[in-house]
C-alpha atoms as a PDB file:
ATOM      1  CA  MET A   1     114.057 117.737  96.021  1.00  0.00           C
ATOM      2  CA  ALA A   2     110.687 119.429  95.817  1.00  0.00           C
ATOM      3  CA  TYR A   3     108.159 118.245  93.269  1.00  0.00           C
ATOM      4  CA  ILE A   4     108.602 120.405  90.183  1.00  0.00           C
ATOM      5  CA  LYS A   5     106.485 119.845  87.095  1.00  0.00           C
ATOM      6  CA  PRO A   6     107.890 120.058  83.578  1.00  0.00           C
ATOM      7  CA  ALA A   7     107.415 123.515  82.068  1.00  0.00           C
ATOM      8  CA  GLU A   8     104.698 122.348  79.689  1.00  0.00           C
ATOM      9  CA  LEU A   9     102.625 120.964  82.565  1.00  0.00           C
ATOM     10  CA  ARG A  10     102.812 124.081  84.743  1.00  0.00           C
ATOM     11  CA  THR A  11      99.595 125.771  85.747  1.00  0.00           C
ATOM     12  CA  GLY A  12      98.994 128.760  87.937  1.00  0.00           C
ATOM     13  CA  LYS A  13     101.181 131.815  88.313  1.00  0.00           C
ATOM     14  CA  THR A  14     104.096 130.979  86.053  1.00  0.00           C
ATOM     15  CA  GLY A  15     105.004 133.692  83.569  1.00  0.00           C
ATOM     16  CA  LYS A  16     105.365 132.975  79.863  1.00  0.00           C
ATOM     17  CA  GLU A  17     109.017 134.065  79.958  1.00  0.00           C
ATOM     18  CA  GLU A  18     109.837 131.659  82.808  1.00  0.00           C
ATOM     19  CA  ILE A  19     108.045 128.799  81.040  1.00  0.00           C
ATOM     20  CA  ALA A  20     110.003 129.497  77.832  1.00  0.00           C
ATOM     21  CA  LYS A  21     113.325 129.558  79.729  1.00  0.00           C
ATOM     22  CA  ARG A  22     112.496 126.304  81.488  1.00  0.00           C
ATOM     23  CA  LYS A  23     111.514 124.576  78.239  1.00  0.00           C
ATOM     24  CA  VAL A  24     114.870 125.522  76.718  1.00  0.00           C
ATOM     25  CA  ALA A  25     116.757 124.400  79.836  1.00  0.00           C
ATOM     26  CA  GLU A  26     114.871 121.071  79.941  1.00  0.00           C
ATOM     27  CA  GLU A  27     115.665 120.374  76.279  1.00  0.00           C
ATOM     28  CA  GLU A  28     119.364 121.196  76.805  1.00  0.00           C
ATOM     29  CA  LEU A  29     119.545 118.471  79.458  1.00  0.00           C
ATOM     30  CA  LYS A  30     118.491 115.804  76.970  1.00  0.00           C
ATOM     31  CA  SER A  31     120.998 114.086  74.693  1.00  0.00           C
ATOM     32  CA  ASP A  32     120.723 114.353  70.911  1.00  0.00           C
ATOM     33  CA  LYS A  33     121.262 110.608  70.422  1.00  0.00           C
ATOM     34  CA  ALA A  34     118.202 108.371  70.623  1.00  0.00           C
ATOM     35  CA  ILE A  35     118.149 105.294  72.815  1.00  0.00           C
ATOM     36  CA  SER A  36     119.077 102.033  71.103  1.00  0.00           C
ATOM     37  CA  THR A  37     116.181  99.665  70.551  1.00  0.00           C
ATOM     38  CA  THR A  38     118.661  96.782  70.828  1.00  0.00           C
ATOM     39  CA  PRO A  39     118.681  95.678  74.466  1.00  0.00           C
ATOM     40  CA  PRO A  40     121.968  95.219  76.340  1.00  0.00           C
ATOM     41  CA  LYS A  41     123.324  91.696  75.888  1.00  0.00           C
ATOM     42  CA  GLU A  42     123.591  91.066  79.636  1.00  0.00           C
ATOM     43  CA  LEU A  43     119.815  91.160  80.109  1.00  0.00           C
ATOM     44  CA  SER A  44     117.874  87.927  80.430  1.00  0.00           C
ATOM     45  CA  LYS A  45     115.725  86.790  77.494  1.00  0.00           C
ATOM     46  CA  GLU A  46     112.590  88.160  79.171  1.00  0.00           C
ATOM     47  CA  GLY A  47     114.490  91.248  80.318  1.00  0.00           C
ATOM     48  CA  LYS A  48     115.288  92.005  76.662  1.00  0.00           C
ATOM     49  CA  LYS A  49     111.586  91.771  75.815  1.00  0.00           C
ATOM     50  CA  LYS A  50     110.732  94.076  78.719  1.00  0.00           C
ATOM     51  CA  TYR A  51     113.439  96.535  77.564  1.00  0.00           C
ATOM     52  CA  LYS A  52     111.794  96.803  74.142  1.00  0.00           C
ATOM     53  CA  GLN A  53     108.372  97.054  75.759  1.00  0.00           C
ATOM     54  CA  VAL A  54     109.429  99.911  78.052  1.00  0.00           C
ATOM     55  CA  ILE A  55     110.901 101.839  75.112  1.00  0.00           C
ATOM     56  CA  SER A  56     107.747 101.324  73.046  1.00  0.00           C
ATOM     57  CA  LEU A  57     105.551 102.689  75.856  1.00  0.00           C
ATOM     58  CA  LEU A  58     107.303 106.062  75.897  1.00  0.00           C
ATOM     59  CA  PRO A  59     107.016 108.749  73.215  1.00  0.00           C
ATOM     60  CA  ASP A  60     109.640 108.981  70.473  1.00  0.00           C
ATOM     61  CA  GLY A  61     112.457 111.303  71.441  1.00  0.00           C
ATOM     62  CA  PHE A  62     111.697 111.020  75.155  1.00  0.00           C
ATOM     63  CA  LEU A  63     114.625 108.710  75.907  1.00  0.00           C
ATOM     64  CA  SER A  64     118.218 109.346  74.923  1.00  0.00           C
ATOM     65  CA  CYS A  65     121.191 107.006  74.635  1.00  0.00           C
ATOM     66  CA  GLY A  66     122.177 107.549  78.271  1.00  0.00           C
ATOM     67  CA  ASP A  67     118.831 106.157  79.376  1.00  0.00           C
ATOM     68  CA  MET A  68     119.761 102.674  78.122  1.00  0.00           C
ATOM     69  CA  PHE A  69     121.232 101.687  81.487  1.00  0.00           C
ATOM     70  CA  VAL A  70     118.216 102.777  83.494  1.00  0.00           C
ATOM     71  CA  VAL A  71     115.809 101.106  81.063  1.00  0.00           C
ATOM     72  CA  GLY A  72     117.912  97.935  81.394  1.00  0.00           C
ATOM     73  CA  ILE A  73     117.651  98.023  85.191  1.00  0.00           C
ATOM     74  CA  VAL A  74     113.905  98.610  85.001  1.00  0.00           C
ATOM     75  CA  ALA A  75     113.441  95.800  82.463  1.00  0.00           C
ATOM     76  CA  GLU A  76     115.470  93.315  84.498  1.00  0.00           C
ATOM     77  CA  ALA A  77     113.609  94.266  87.690  1.00  0.00           C
ATOM     78  CA  LEU A  78     110.291  93.649  85.901  1.00  0.00           C
ATOM     79  CA  ASP A  79     111.535  90.231  84.766  1.00  0.00           C
ATOM     80  CA  ARG A  80     112.704  89.281  88.286  1.00  0.00           C
ATOM     81  CA  MET A  81     109.390  90.442  89.733  1.00  0.00           C
ATOM     82  CA  ALA A  82     107.514  88.268  87.218  1.00  0.00           C
ATOM     83  CA  GLN A  83     109.670  85.249  88.107  1.00  0.00           C
ATOM     84  CA  ALA A  84     109.074  85.817  91.815  1.00  0.00           C
ATOM     85  CA  GLN A  85     105.343  86.244  91.214  1.00  0.00           C
ATOM     86  CA  MET A  86     105.219  82.869  89.441  1.00  0.00           C
ATOM     87  CA  LYS A  87     106.985  81.209  92.403  1.00  0.00           C
ATOM     88  CA  ILE A  88     104.541  82.853  94.807  1.00  0.00           C
ATOM     89  CA  ASN A  89     101.587  81.685  92.692  1.00  0.00           C
ATOM     90  CA  GLN A  90     102.967  78.126  92.667  1.00  0.00           C
ATOM     91  CA  GLY A  91     103.937  77.850  96.328  1.00  0.00           C
ATOM     92  CA  GLY A  92     101.839  80.476  98.045  1.00  0.00           C
ATOM     93  CA  LEU A  93     103.036  83.267 100.289  1.00  0.00           C
ATOM     94  CA  PHE A  94     103.868  80.880 103.139  1.00  0.00           C
ATOM     95  CA  ASP A  95     105.211  77.347 103.333  1.00  0.00           C
ATOM     96  CA  ASP A  96     103.664  74.540 105.397  1.00  0.00           C
ATOM     97  CA  ASP A  97     105.585  75.693 108.480  1.00  0.00           C
ATOM     98  CA  GLY A  98     104.212  79.232 108.199  1.00  0.00           C
ATOM     99  CA  PHE A  99     107.413  80.831 106.949  1.00  0.00           C
ATOM    100  CA  GLU A 100     107.258  83.452 104.237  1.00  0.00           C
ATOM    101  CA  ASN A 101     108.093  82.236 100.734  1.00  0.00           C
ATOM    102  CA  ASN A 102     111.548  83.565  99.768  1.00  0.00           C
ATOM    103  CA  ALA A 103     110.051  84.643  96.453  1.00  0.00           C
ATOM    104  CA  ALA A 104     107.988  87.246  98.322  1.00  0.00           C
ATOM    105  CA  LYS A 105     111.208  88.813  99.610  1.00  0.00           C
ATOM    106  CA  VAL A 106     112.705  88.741  96.119  1.00  0.00           C
ATOM    107  CA  TYR A 107     109.568  90.371  94.720  1.00  0.00           C
ATOM    108  CA  GLU A 108     109.741  93.111  97.343  1.00  0.00           C
ATOM    109  CA  ARG A 109     113.446  93.760  96.661  1.00  0.00           C
ATOM    110  CA  TYR A 110     112.968  94.077  92.901  1.00  0.00           C
ATOM    111  CA  SER A 111     109.787  96.138  93.221  1.00  0.00           C
ATOM    112  CA  LYS A 112     111.824  98.702  95.184  1.00  0.00           C
ATOM    113  CA  ILE A 113     114.487  98.687  92.457  1.00  0.00           C
ATOM    114  CA  PHE A 114     111.781  99.095  89.824  1.00  0.00           C
ATOM    115  CA  GLU A 115     110.167 101.983  91.700  1.00  0.00           C
ATOM    116  CA  LYS A 116     113.455 103.784  92.266  1.00  0.00           C
ATOM    117  CA  PHE A 117     114.772 103.515  88.725  1.00  0.00           C
ATOM    118  CA  SER A 118     111.516 103.873  86.819  1.00  0.00           C
ATOM    119  CA  SER A 119     111.063 107.260  88.475  1.00  0.00           C
ATOM    120  CA  LYS A 120     114.498 108.267  87.177  1.00  0.00           C
ATOM    121  CA  LEU A 121     113.986 106.902  83.724  1.00  0.00           C
ATOM    122  CA  GLY A 122     116.051 109.088  81.452  1.00  0.00           C
ATOM    123  CA  LEU A 123     115.774 111.839  83.997  1.00  0.00           C
ATOM    124  CA  SER A 124     112.011 111.761  84.225  1.00  0.00           C
ATOM    125  CA  PRO A 125     110.160 114.904  83.176  1.00  0.00           C
ATOM    126  CA  LYS A 126     109.912 115.820  86.860  1.00  0.00           C
ATOM    127  CA  ASP A 127     113.668 115.510  87.323  1.00  0.00           C
ATOM    128  CA  ARG A 128     114.442 117.440  84.105  1.00  0.00           C
ATOM    129  CA  ALA A 129     112.098 120.164  85.285  1.00  0.00           C
ATOM    130  CA  ALA A 130     113.875 120.369  88.639  1.00  0.00           C
ATOM    131  CA  LEU A 131     117.273 120.643  86.960  1.00  0.00           C
ATOM    132  CA  ALA A 132     115.922 123.221  84.528  1.00  0.00           C
ATOM    133  CA  VAL A 133     114.716 125.371  87.447  1.00  0.00           C
ATOM    134  CA  LEU A 134     118.177 125.174  88.997  1.00  0.00           C
ATOM    135  CA  ASN A 135     119.780 126.203  85.692  1.00  0.00           C
ATOM    136  CA  VAL A 136     117.351 129.085  85.160  1.00  0.00           C
ATOM    137  CA  ASN A 137     117.879 130.293  88.734  1.00  0.00           C
ATOM    138  CA  ALA A 138     121.670 130.092  88.307  1.00  0.00           C
ATOM    139  CA  GLU A 139     121.434 132.122  85.089  1.00  0.00           C
ATOM    140  CA  GLU A 140     119.251 134.726  86.762  1.00  0.00           C
ATOM    141  CA  GLU A 141     121.671 134.967  89.674  1.00  0.00           C
ATOM    142  CA  LYS A 142     124.576 135.372  87.240  1.00  0.00           C
ATOM    143  CA  ASN A 143     122.802 138.315  85.581  1.00  0.00           C
ATOM    144  CA  ASP A 144     121.518 139.939  88.786  1.00  0.00           C
ATOM    145  CA  PRO A 145     123.215 143.368  89.088  1.00  0.00           C
ATOM    146  CA  VAL A 146     122.856 143.474  92.880  1.00  0.00           C
ATOM    147  CA  LEU A 147     124.464 140.054  93.340  1.00  0.00           C
ATOM    148  CA  ASN A 148     127.195 140.977  90.854  1.00  0.00           C
ATOM    149  CA  ALA A 149     127.945 144.162  92.826  1.00  0.00           C
ATOM    150  CA  LEU A 150     128.087 142.191  96.069  1.00  0.00           C
ATOM    151  CA  ARG A 151     130.467 139.679  94.502  1.00  0.00           C
ATOM    152  CA  GLY A 152     132.599 142.478  93.100  1.00  0.00           C
ATOM    153  CA  ASP A 153     131.869 141.547  89.453  1.00  0.00           C
ATOM    154  CA  ASP A 154     132.236 144.688  87.345  1.00  0.00           C
ATOM    155  CA  ASP A 155     131.046 143.448  83.948  1.00  0.00           C
END
């Protein structure tokens, strides 16, 4: 999917009407229920702390209840990365035989998980913007008289 900025961050040749439509569409994609500040019970002790920390870093109203699962994955990945980093700091990147410390592989695995899910956190503003563009385009196509005539819609 192409990089699409949230409506409020758009610059350049975007009309006021399009920006207004996109803002409405972006807001409709968010849930009304706020995310719980109580972390999921299956998270580790440190993962629960990271969960609360992630929520506190983001503006109020940014996350909704459906984002709890993604925040949990991000928090647990951060905890696993910290554990792996401690093992790397204790034992070094390589053992005495020159083999890579397994903790380095664990760190790499969880950093990829962190990167993937943190970018999707609660449908990031970028992702909401992309979905909003799709919704606006679909609405415009639905109301296009030429397309309606081609489809045989006689509204």
